[in-house]
Amino acid sequence: MHEQLHLIEFWVTFFSRNSVLWAKRLLLNISNGA
């Protein structure tokens, strides 16, 4: 169980970091398209 928790924490931090990059990219694409 503890190992799973560490994995979940790792993926949450990993995806939260990437989601910020994706959000910026999406906003740039939307602003360029419009």
C-alpha atoms as a PDB file:
ATOM      1  CA  MET A   1       0.000   0.000   0.000  1.00  0.00           C
ATOM      2  CA  HIS A   2       2.741   2.443   0.933  1.00  0.00           C
ATOM      3  CA  GLU A   3       4.520   1.839  -2.363  1.00  0.00           C
ATOM      4  CA  GLN A   4       1.290   2.554  -4.227  1.00  0.00           C
ATOM      5  CA  LEU A   5       0.918   5.817  -2.318  1.00  0.00           C
ATOM      6  CA  HIS A   6       4.415   6.892  -3.341  1.00  0.00           C
ATOM      7  CA  LEU A   7       3.657   6.028  -6.955  1.00  0.00           C
ATOM      8  CA  ILE A   8       0.441   8.033  -6.827  1.00  0.00           C
ATOM      9  CA  GLU A   9       2.263  11.020  -5.350  1.00  0.00           C
ATOM     10  CA  PHE A  10       4.915  10.753  -8.070  1.00  0.00           C
ATOM     11  CA  TRP A  11       2.354  10.645 -10.872  1.00  0.00           C
ATOM     12  CA  VAL A  12       0.304  13.475  -9.374  1.00  0.00           C
ATOM     13  CA  THR A  13       3.332  15.770  -9.212  1.00  0.00           C
ATOM     14  CA  PHE A  14       4.458  14.615 -12.660  1.00  0.00           C
ATOM     15  CA  PHE A  15       1.090  15.276 -14.300  1.00  0.00           C
ATOM     16  CA  SER A  16       0.502  18.551 -12.421  1.00  0.00           C
ATOM     17  CA  ARG A  17       3.807  19.868 -13.781  1.00  0.00           C
ATOM     18  CA  ASN A  18       3.001  18.688 -17.298  1.00  0.00           C
ATOM     19  CA  SER A  19      -0.566  19.983 -17.115  1.00  0.00           C
ATOM     20  CA  VAL A  20       0.786  23.501 -16.560  1.00  0.00           C
ATOM     21  CA  LEU A  21       2.912  23.182 -19.702  1.00  0.00           C
ATOM     22  CA  TRP A  22      -0.035  21.739 -21.643  1.00  0.00           C
ATOM     23  CA  ALA A  23      -2.316  24.541 -20.429  1.00  0.00           C
ATOM     24  CA  LYS A  24       0.149  27.181 -21.613  1.00  0.00           C
ATOM     25  CA  ARG A  25       0.487  25.428 -24.965  1.00  0.00           C
ATOM     26  CA  LEU A  26      -3.289  25.157 -25.341  1.00  0.00           C
ATOM     27  CA  LEU A  27      -3.763  28.826 -24.466  1.00  0.00           C
ATOM     28  CA  LEU A  28      -1.121  29.781 -27.039  1.00  0.00           C
ATOM     29  CA  ASN A  29      -2.795  27.626 -29.711  1.00  0.00           C
ATOM     30  CA  ILE A  30      -6.223  29.092 -28.918  1.00  0.00           C
ATOM     31  CA  SER A  31      -4.948  32.689 -28.968  1.00  0.00           C
ATOM     32  CA  ASN A  32      -3.146  32.039 -32.255  1.00  0.00           C
ATOM     33  CA  GLY A  33      -6.183  30.363 -33.810  1.00  0.00           C
ATOM     34  CA  ALA A  34      -8.526  33.162 -32.769  1.00  0.00           C
END
